[in-house]
Amino acid sequence: MSKKIGIIGSGMVAKTLGAGFLKLGYDVMLGTRQASKLDEWLSGGGTGAKVGSFSETASFGDILVLSAKGNAAIEALQLAGSVNLSGKTIIDTTNPIADAPPENGVLKFFTTFDMSLMEQLQSTFPDANFVKSFSCVGSPFMVNPGFESKPTMFICGNNDDSKAEVKEILVQFGWEIADMGKAEAARAIEPLCMLWCIPGLLKNEWMHAFKLLKMG
């Protein structure tokens, strides 16, 4: 497993996952347009923590994490540079949340049920290997979620080797994994964000995750 992780984004998801990778001994670079906003994260991250531009981060990482806002994801990857993405595993944490208020606790998406955001990303950057992950839970539970039993992380992607890399990371982060197949499965995985957010938006209840139960 590679020890160099490039995270394209500088919000809470990026900082949470970055801290998790650092604790496991990875070298981590967070990509941002404004390096000063990551001064605190950088000072607390130790020798393995770095900050750079999107292109520097994409070049640095052997494995990349996309944690930009959904409607800015394509632009962030364009700034990262296609040459820096080619052949790499990109963990896609994004959700296509629209800039519109929720309706009775239900978020609005800018995608359709027949085309997920991850499919759009994969089509736009065909030489990269996107794997949907970390999109169905809030950032406080992404690393070592701490429930009574292991919650399930739903993933999908077209490249089996890249999914194997992501599965290894998820095991290290304390997750059970449900591989839903190819990129089209993101059409079902991304809306889990809507479902996860409903209790929070309606009743301020955010302490939950999903679990897939199997017989036999």
Protein backbone atom coordinates (compact mmCIF):
# COMPACT_ATOMS: atom_id res chain seq x y z
CA MET A 1 0.00 0.00 0.00
CA SER A 2 1.26 3.44 -0.90
CA LYS A 3 2.25 5.81 1.89
CA LYS A 4 1.57 9.10 0.06
CA ILE A 5 -1.97 10.47 0.08
CA GLY A 6 -3.06 13.63 -1.75
CA ILE A 7 -6.37 15.10 -0.60
CA ILE A 8 -7.98 17.58 -2.99
CA GLY A 9 -9.93 19.83 -0.66
CA SER A 10 -9.47 21.61 2.66
CA GLY A 11 -12.78 21.33 4.50
CA MET A 12 -13.78 19.17 7.46
CA VAL A 13 -13.84 15.92 5.45
CA ALA A 14 -10.36 16.59 4.09
CA LYS A 15 -8.94 17.42 7.50
CA THR A 16 -10.62 14.45 9.20
CA LEU A 17 -9.42 11.92 6.64
CA GLY A 18 -6.01 13.57 6.53
CA ALA A 19 -5.62 13.18 10.29
CA GLY A 20 -6.70 9.55 10.03
CA PHE A 21 -4.10 8.79 7.37
CA LEU A 22 -1.40 10.55 9.38
CA LYS A 23 -2.13 8.41 12.43
CA LEU A 24 -1.62 5.31 10.29
CA GLY A 25 1.79 6.53 9.13
CA TYR A 26 0.90 7.91 5.71
CA ASP A 27 2.39 11.11 4.36
CA VAL A 28 -0.50 13.45 3.55
CA MET A 29 -0.79 16.62 1.48
CA LEU A 30 -3.98 18.68 1.51
CA GLY A 31 -4.70 20.70 -1.62
CA THR A 32 -6.22 24.14 -1.27
CA ARG A 33 -6.48 27.52 -2.98
CA GLN A 34 -5.76 29.26 0.33
CA ALA A 35 -2.93 27.63 2.30
CA SER A 36 -3.36 29.87 5.35
CA LYS A 37 -6.71 28.27 6.21
CA LEU A 38 -4.83 25.03 6.94
CA ASP A 39 -2.19 26.48 9.27
CA GLU A 40 -3.73 24.85 12.35
CA TRP A 41 -4.09 21.45 10.67
CA LEU A 42 -0.53 21.65 9.37
CA SER A 43 0.97 22.61 12.73
CA GLY A 44 -0.76 19.70 14.45
CA GLY A 45 -0.06 17.13 11.77
CA GLY A 46 3.61 16.44 12.41
CA THR A 47 6.32 15.79 9.85
CA GLY A 48 4.03 13.81 7.54
CA ALA A 49 1.59 16.69 6.98
CA LYS A 50 1.93 18.98 3.98
CA VAL A 51 -0.15 21.61 2.20
CA GLY A 52 -0.03 22.52 -1.49
CA SER A 53 -2.01 23.62 -4.50
CA PHE A 54 -4.43 21.23 -6.17
CA SER A 55 -1.86 20.36 -8.84
CA GLU A 56 0.95 19.90 -6.31
CA THR A 57 -1.29 17.66 -4.22
CA ALA A 58 -2.39 15.54 -7.15
CA SER A 59 1.24 15.11 -8.23
CA PHE A 60 2.32 14.24 -4.68
CA GLY A 61 -0.27 11.56 -3.94
CA ASP A 62 0.01 7.96 -5.06
CA ILE A 63 -3.61 7.68 -3.95
CA LEU A 64 -5.88 10.72 -4.12
CA VAL A 65 -8.97 11.71 -2.17
CA LEU A 66 -11.51 14.10 -3.69
CA SER A 67 -13.24 16.03 -0.91
CA ALA A 68 -14.27 19.19 -2.73
CA LYS A 69 -17.84 20.46 -2.72
CA GLY A 70 -19.88 18.47 -5.24
CA ASN A 71 -20.62 21.36 -7.59
CA ALA A 72 -16.91 22.32 -7.57
CA ALA A 73 -15.51 18.81 -8.00
CA ILE A 74 -14.86 18.93 -11.74
CA GLU A 75 -13.18 22.33 -11.50
CA ALA A 76 -10.99 21.13 -8.62
CA LEU A 77 -9.84 18.14 -10.66
CA GLN A 78 -9.21 20.33 -13.70
CA LEU A 79 -6.97 22.52 -11.54
CA ALA A 80 -5.26 19.37 -10.26
CA GLY A 81 -4.37 18.50 -13.86
CA SER A 82 -5.35 15.44 -15.86
CA VAL A 83 -1.74 14.30 -16.14
CA ASN A 84 -1.52 14.14 -12.34
CA LEU A 85 -4.69 12.04 -12.14
CA SER A 86 -3.92 9.49 -14.83
CA GLY A 87 -3.81 5.91 -13.61
CA LYS A 88 -4.38 6.86 -9.97
CA THR A 89 -7.01 5.71 -7.52
CA ILE A 90 -9.24 8.64 -6.56
CA ILE A 91 -11.44 8.12 -3.50
CA ASP A 92 -14.55 10.11 -4.33
CA THR A 93 -16.24 11.39 -1.15
CA THR A 94 -18.41 13.95 -2.94
CA ASN A 95 -22.18 14.26 -3.13
CA PRO A 96 -24.12 16.30 -5.71
CA ILE A 97 -25.86 18.57 -3.20
CA ALA A 98 -27.56 21.50 -4.91
CA ASP A 99 -27.40 25.10 -3.73
CA ALA A 100 -31.00 24.98 -2.60
CA PRO A 101 -32.64 24.50 0.80
CA PRO A 102 -33.78 21.01 1.80
CA GLU A 103 -37.46 20.16 1.57
CA ASN A 104 -38.83 18.64 4.78
CA GLY A 105 -35.32 17.52 5.66
CA VAL A 106 -34.54 16.09 2.22
CA LEU A 107 -31.53 17.54 0.43
CA LYS A 108 -31.79 18.45 -3.23
CA PHE A 109 -29.33 17.05 -5.77
CA PHE A 110 -28.24 18.58 -9.08
CA THR A 111 -27.93 15.14 -10.70
CA THR A 112 -30.59 12.71 -11.93
CA PHE A 113 -31.30 9.12 -10.93
CA ASP A 114 -29.75 8.02 -14.25
CA MET A 115 -26.38 9.79 -13.90
CA SER A 116 -24.45 10.12 -10.65
CA LEU A 117 -21.81 12.71 -9.91
CA MET A 118 -19.14 10.03 -9.82
CA GLU A 119 -20.11 8.87 -13.30
CA GLN A 120 -19.73 12.46 -14.51
CA LEU A 121 -16.28 12.62 -12.93
CA GLN A 122 -15.25 9.28 -14.43
CA SER A 123 -16.45 10.38 -17.86
CA THR A 124 -14.63 13.71 -17.62
CA PHE A 125 -11.37 12.11 -16.42
CA PRO A 126 -11.42 8.65 -18.05
CA ASP A 127 -7.79 7.82 -17.26
CA ALA A 128 -8.36 8.08 -13.49
CA ASN A 129 -9.88 5.32 -11.36
CA PHE A 130 -12.66 6.70 -9.18
CA VAL A 131 -13.97 4.78 -6.19
CA LYS A 132 -17.01 6.13 -4.36
CA SER A 133 -16.49 6.01 -0.58
CA PHE A 134 -17.09 8.00 2.63
CA SER A 135 -20.13 9.65 1.01
CA CYS A 136 -22.86 8.12 3.18
CA VAL A 137 -21.77 9.27 6.65
CA GLY A 138 -20.75 12.47 8.40
CA SER A 139 -17.09 13.36 8.85
CA PRO A 140 -16.99 12.63 12.64
CA PHE A 141 -17.50 8.92 11.89
CA MET A 142 -15.27 8.49 8.85
CA VAL A 143 -12.27 7.29 10.84
CA ASN A 144 -12.78 4.67 13.57
CA PRO A 145 -16.55 5.21 13.76
CA GLY A 146 -16.91 3.67 17.23
CA PHE A 147 -20.39 2.12 17.05
CA GLU A 148 -21.24 -1.12 18.90
CA SER A 149 -20.77 -3.04 15.66
CA LYS A 150 -18.91 -2.06 12.53
CA PRO A 151 -21.05 0.09 10.21
CA THR A 152 -21.08 -0.53 6.46
CA MET A 153 -19.34 1.64 3.90
CA PHE A 154 -20.84 1.28 0.45
CA ILE A 155 -18.35 1.60 -2.39
CA CYS A 156 -18.30 1.25 -6.16
CA GLY A 157 -15.94 1.82 -9.07
CA ASN A 158 -14.84 0.37 -12.38
CA ASN A 159 -11.28 -0.66 -11.46
CA ASP A 160 -10.93 -3.68 -9.18
CA ASP A 161 -7.34 -2.90 -8.20
CA SER A 162 -8.34 0.59 -7.08
CA LYS A 163 -11.26 -0.80 -5.11
CA ALA A 164 -8.85 -3.21 -3.41
CA GLU A 165 -6.70 -0.25 -2.34
CA VAL A 166 -9.73 1.55 -0.94
CA LYS A 167 -10.94 -1.56 0.86
CA GLU A 168 -7.59 -1.88 2.61
CA ILE A 169 -7.88 1.72 3.78
CA LEU A 170 -11.46 1.19 4.97
CA VAL A 171 -10.41 -1.83 7.02
CA GLN A 172 -7.69 0.27 8.64
CA PHE A 173 -10.29 2.94 9.39
CA GLY A 174 -12.63 0.43 11.09
CA TRP A 175 -15.29 -0.18 8.45
CA GLU A 176 -17.19 -3.14 7.09
CA ILE A 177 -17.31 -2.91 3.28
CA ALA A 178 -20.10 -3.52 0.79
CA ASP A 179 -18.83 -3.42 -2.80
CA MET A 180 -21.78 -2.50 -5.00
CA GLY A 181 -19.98 -3.00 -8.31
CA LYS A 182 -19.31 -0.58 -11.14
CA ALA A 183 -19.63 3.21 -11.30
CA GLU A 184 -23.35 3.09 -12.08
CA ALA A 185 -23.96 1.97 -8.49
CA ALA A 186 -23.07 5.51 -7.38
CA ARG A 187 -26.59 6.41 -8.55
CA ALA A 188 -27.81 4.48 -5.49
CA ILE A 189 -24.95 5.24 -3.09
CA GLU A 190 -24.94 9.03 -3.42
CA PRO A 191 -28.61 9.39 -2.33
CA LEU A 192 -27.71 7.66 0.95
CA CYS A 193 -26.36 11.09 1.87
CA MET A 194 -29.93 12.37 1.69
CA LEU A 195 -31.15 9.59 3.95
CA TRP A 196 -28.29 10.05 6.43
CA CYS A 197 -29.01 13.78 6.74
CA ILE A 198 -32.78 13.61 7.27
CA PRO A 199 -32.67 12.89 11.05
CA GLY A 200 -30.11 15.65 11.48
CA LEU A 201 -31.99 18.24 9.48
CA LEU A 202 -35.35 17.43 11.09
CA LYS A 203 -34.37 16.58 14.67
CA ASN A 204 -30.67 17.53 15.00
CA GLU A 205 -29.78 13.84 15.31
CA TRP A 206 -26.46 13.09 13.61
CA MET A 207 -25.07 10.11 15.58
CA HIS A 208 -25.78 7.26 13.19
CA ALA A 209 -24.44 5.20 10.29
CA PHE A 210 -25.72 2.47 7.96
CA LYS A 211 -25.34 -1.28 8.46
CA LEU A 212 -26.02 -3.91 5.80
CA LEU A 213 -27.35 -7.11 7.43
CA LYS A 214 -26.85 -10.47 5.72
CA MET A 215 -28.21 -13.94 6.39
CA GLY A 216 -25.93 -16.94 6.26
